[in-house]
Amino acid sequence: MATLALVCATVLSVSAQTVLSPYQGETDGVSAGGKWFVFRSEDKMTAAKKVRFELLSDNYLSEDPEYKPRVELMCTNGKYTYTDFNPGIRLGPPNRPGFWGQPQMEVMVRVDDAHSRHGWNWIRGRFLSMDKGTTRELIGARIFKVEIRGRNGPEIAEFSPAGLDLGRVKQACDLTPKKPSNDN
């Protein structure tokens, strides 16, 4: 009986550390430390090795109590590619042009005790493309919050990024953390 309990506890422990991948050809996610998960895949045409780190928020936003906002950090062949913030709700309209004229949404970001405003590229009203500087602040943070404009007004996604294995990120993305600074 004690052996059965130990086996069940081990199975539950292992299954709690994996997440099913929603993408074909990608391995299921395994813990990358803290609340982060890492997924791996290989491009069938180019044989590029891809690594995706995912962090789910601690809360839900008003429009969808079934879907948690998430941050996805993508790397290809050992180099950083991009980071997306997916709030899981329809975004309000873009409110500023980017350097090249692309639509952007101004967001307020809190990283630990610092906060700043950023213009993130607005992608089809569904997600925002984060800048590399904010990504570097995120991977070394304890607290990460993003305030966006939803269709019904401001919304705040709250994340707990502490515990990420930074050595794994360095190896997969050649990316290191950076300390945040206030630029209110």
Protein backbone atom coordinates (compact mmCIF):
# COMPACT_ATOMS: atom_id res chain seq x y z
CA MET A 1 0.00 0.00 0.00
CA ALA A 2 2.84 2.41 0.85
CA THR A 3 4.52 1.58 -2.47
CA LEU A 4 1.31 2.38 -4.37
CA ALA A 5 1.03 5.73 -2.58
CA LEU A 6 4.66 6.54 -3.43
CA VAL A 7 4.13 5.64 -7.11
CA CYS A 8 0.96 7.80 -7.27
CA ALA A 9 2.74 10.73 -5.62
CA THR A 10 5.63 10.43 -8.08
CA VAL A 11 3.26 10.30 -11.09
CA LEU A 12 1.37 13.35 -9.83
CA SER A 13 4.63 15.21 -9.22
CA VAL A 14 5.93 14.45 -12.72
CA SER A 15 2.63 15.28 -14.46
CA ALA A 16 2.43 18.60 -12.60
CA GLN A 17 5.76 19.57 -14.19
CA THR A 18 4.64 19.11 -17.83
CA VAL A 19 2.18 20.96 -20.05
CA LEU A 20 0.73 19.68 -23.32
CA SER A 21 1.89 21.64 -26.34
CA PRO A 22 -0.86 23.17 -28.49
CA TYR A 23 1.40 23.03 -31.57
CA GLN A 24 2.02 20.07 -33.86
CA GLY A 25 5.66 18.96 -33.91
CA GLU A 26 6.52 20.62 -30.60
CA THR A 27 7.46 18.62 -27.49
CA ASP A 28 5.27 18.95 -24.44
CA GLY A 29 6.48 21.64 -22.08
CA VAL A 30 8.65 20.82 -19.09
CA SER A 31 9.44 23.07 -16.16
CA ALA A 32 12.09 25.70 -16.84
CA GLY A 33 12.05 26.81 -13.20
CA GLY A 34 9.43 28.73 -11.25
CA LYS A 35 6.20 29.02 -13.25
CA TRP A 36 7.98 28.89 -16.63
CA PHE A 37 7.71 26.03 -19.14
CA VAL A 38 9.98 25.27 -22.08
CA PHE A 39 8.93 23.63 -25.37
CA ARG A 40 11.19 22.44 -28.21
CA SER A 41 10.67 21.84 -31.92
CA GLU A 42 12.54 21.61 -35.20
CA ASP A 43 11.46 23.33 -38.40
CA LYS A 44 10.75 20.60 -40.97
CA MET A 45 12.08 22.60 -43.92
CA THR A 46 15.12 24.37 -42.48
CA ALA A 47 15.96 22.05 -39.56
CA ALA A 48 16.17 25.16 -37.35
CA LYS A 49 16.05 24.26 -33.66
CA LYS A 50 13.35 26.27 -31.91
CA VAL A 51 12.83 26.78 -28.19
CA ARG A 52 9.76 28.47 -26.71
CA PHE A 53 9.58 29.60 -23.07
CA GLU A 54 6.07 30.27 -21.76
CA LEU A 55 4.87 32.01 -18.59
CA LEU A 56 1.18 32.10 -17.67
CA SER A 57 -0.20 34.99 -15.66
CA ASP A 58 -1.45 34.66 -12.09
CA ASN A 59 -4.84 36.14 -13.03
CA TYR A 60 -7.52 36.19 -15.73
CA LEU A 61 -8.68 39.32 -17.56
CA SER A 62 -12.33 40.41 -17.65
CA GLU A 63 -13.41 39.05 -21.03
CA ASP A 64 -12.25 35.45 -20.65
CA PRO A 65 -12.15 33.75 -17.24
CA GLU A 66 -10.99 30.54 -18.95
CA TYR A 67 -7.77 31.82 -20.59
CA LYS A 68 -4.81 33.22 -18.69
CA PRO A 69 -2.66 35.86 -20.39
CA ARG A 70 0.80 34.59 -21.32
CA VAL A 71 4.26 35.63 -22.38
CA GLU A 72 6.02 33.52 -25.02
CA LEU A 73 9.76 33.97 -25.58
CA MET A 74 10.96 32.39 -28.85
CA CYS A 75 14.53 31.44 -29.78
CA THR A 76 15.93 29.86 -32.94
CA ASN A 77 19.28 28.11 -33.29
CA GLY A 78 20.53 29.47 -29.97
CA LYS A 79 19.55 33.11 -30.62
CA TYR A 80 16.70 35.26 -29.34
CA THR A 81 13.96 35.67 -31.98
CA TYR A 82 11.03 37.54 -30.35
CA THR A 83 8.71 37.74 -27.34
CA ASP A 84 4.92 38.03 -27.55
CA PHE A 85 2.44 39.08 -24.88
CA ASN A 86 -0.92 37.38 -25.47
CA PRO A 87 -3.62 38.81 -23.17
CA GLY A 88 -6.28 36.31 -24.27
CA ILE A 89 -8.76 39.12 -24.96
CA ARG A 90 -9.39 41.43 -27.91
CA LEU A 91 -7.19 44.46 -27.52
CA GLY A 92 -8.33 48.02 -27.88
CA PRO A 93 -7.17 49.79 -31.04
CA PRO A 94 -3.52 50.75 -31.50
CA ASN A 95 -2.86 54.20 -30.08
CA ARG A 96 0.44 55.22 -31.65
CA PRO A 97 2.60 54.58 -34.70
CA GLY A 98 5.91 52.77 -34.36
CA PHE A 99 9.22 53.96 -35.79
CA TRP A 100 8.42 52.37 -39.16
CA GLY A 101 4.72 53.33 -39.01
CA GLN A 102 3.47 49.96 -37.79
CA PRO A 103 0.54 50.11 -35.33
CA GLN A 104 1.52 50.02 -31.66
CA MET A 105 -0.17 50.05 -28.29
CA GLU A 106 1.36 51.94 -25.42
CA VAL A 107 1.49 49.73 -22.34
CA MET A 108 2.64 50.34 -18.79
CA VAL A 109 4.98 47.69 -17.43
CA ARG A 110 6.00 47.05 -13.84
CA VAL A 111 9.15 45.02 -13.26
CA ASP A 112 9.78 44.56 -9.53
CA ASP A 113 9.74 48.13 -8.13
CA ALA A 114 10.26 49.95 -11.45
CA HIS A 115 7.62 50.93 -13.98
CA SER A 116 7.86 52.28 -17.50
CA ARG A 117 5.83 52.83 -20.66
CA HIS A 118 6.53 51.01 -23.90
CA GLY A 119 5.14 50.96 -27.42
CA TRP A 120 4.65 47.32 -28.37
CA ASN A 121 3.73 46.32 -31.91
CA TRP A 122 0.01 45.56 -32.19
CA ILE A 123 -0.54 42.27 -34.03
CA ARG A 124 -4.04 41.68 -35.47
CA GLY A 125 -5.73 42.95 -32.29
CA ARG A 126 -4.85 39.70 -30.51
CA PHE A 127 -1.35 40.09 -29.07
CA LEU A 128 1.56 42.49 -28.66
CA SER A 129 5.17 42.01 -29.67
CA MET A 130 7.38 42.93 -26.71
CA ASP A 131 10.73 44.69 -27.05
CA LYS A 132 13.97 42.85 -26.22
CA GLY A 133 14.82 45.19 -23.33
CA THR A 134 11.58 44.39 -21.51
CA THR A 135 12.14 40.70 -22.18
CA ARG A 136 15.57 40.91 -20.53
CA GLU A 137 14.03 42.69 -17.52
CA LEU A 138 11.27 40.05 -17.30
CA ILE A 139 13.55 37.01 -17.18
CA GLY A 140 15.37 38.33 -14.10
CA ALA A 141 12.32 39.71 -12.28
CA ARG A 142 10.27 38.66 -9.26
CA ILE A 143 7.20 40.71 -10.26
CA PHE A 144 6.01 41.52 -13.77
CA LYS A 145 2.75 43.33 -14.54
CA VAL A 146 1.42 44.65 -17.84
CA GLU A 147 -1.37 47.20 -18.12
CA ILE A 148 -3.07 47.21 -21.53
CA ARG A 149 -6.13 48.83 -23.01
CA GLY A 150 -8.83 46.25 -23.53
CA ARG A 151 -12.11 46.95 -25.30
CA ASN A 152 -13.68 47.82 -21.92
CA GLY A 153 -10.82 49.89 -20.54
CA PRO A 154 -7.53 49.21 -18.72
CA GLU A 155 -6.66 45.63 -17.75
CA ILE A 156 -3.66 44.38 -15.75
CA ALA A 157 -2.05 40.97 -16.27
CA GLU A 158 0.05 39.90 -13.26
CA PHE A 159 2.96 37.47 -13.56
CA SER A 160 5.35 35.75 -11.12
CA PRO A 161 8.47 35.15 -13.25
CA ALA A 162 10.92 34.33 -10.42
CA GLY A 163 12.71 30.99 -10.55
CA LEU A 164 13.42 30.78 -14.30
CA ASP A 165 16.59 28.79 -15.00
CA LEU A 166 18.67 31.63 -16.50
CA GLY A 167 21.38 29.21 -17.64
CA ARG A 168 18.81 27.44 -19.80
CA VAL A 169 17.71 30.77 -21.32
CA LYS A 170 21.34 31.77 -21.96
CA GLN A 171 21.97 28.47 -23.74
CA ALA A 172 18.75 28.47 -25.80
CA CYS A 173 18.57 32.20 -26.60
CA ASP A 174 21.91 33.84 -25.80
CA LEU A 175 19.89 36.18 -23.57
CA THR A 176 20.79 37.51 -20.12
CA PRO A 177 18.68 39.44 -17.60
CA LYS A 178 18.89 43.20 -17.20
CA LYS A 179 17.94 45.34 -14.21
CA PRO A 180 14.88 47.56 -14.78
CA SER A 181 14.94 51.33 -14.44
CA ASN A 182 12.13 53.81 -13.85
CA ASP A 183 11.36 56.10 -16.75
CA ASN A 184 8.04 57.51 -15.56
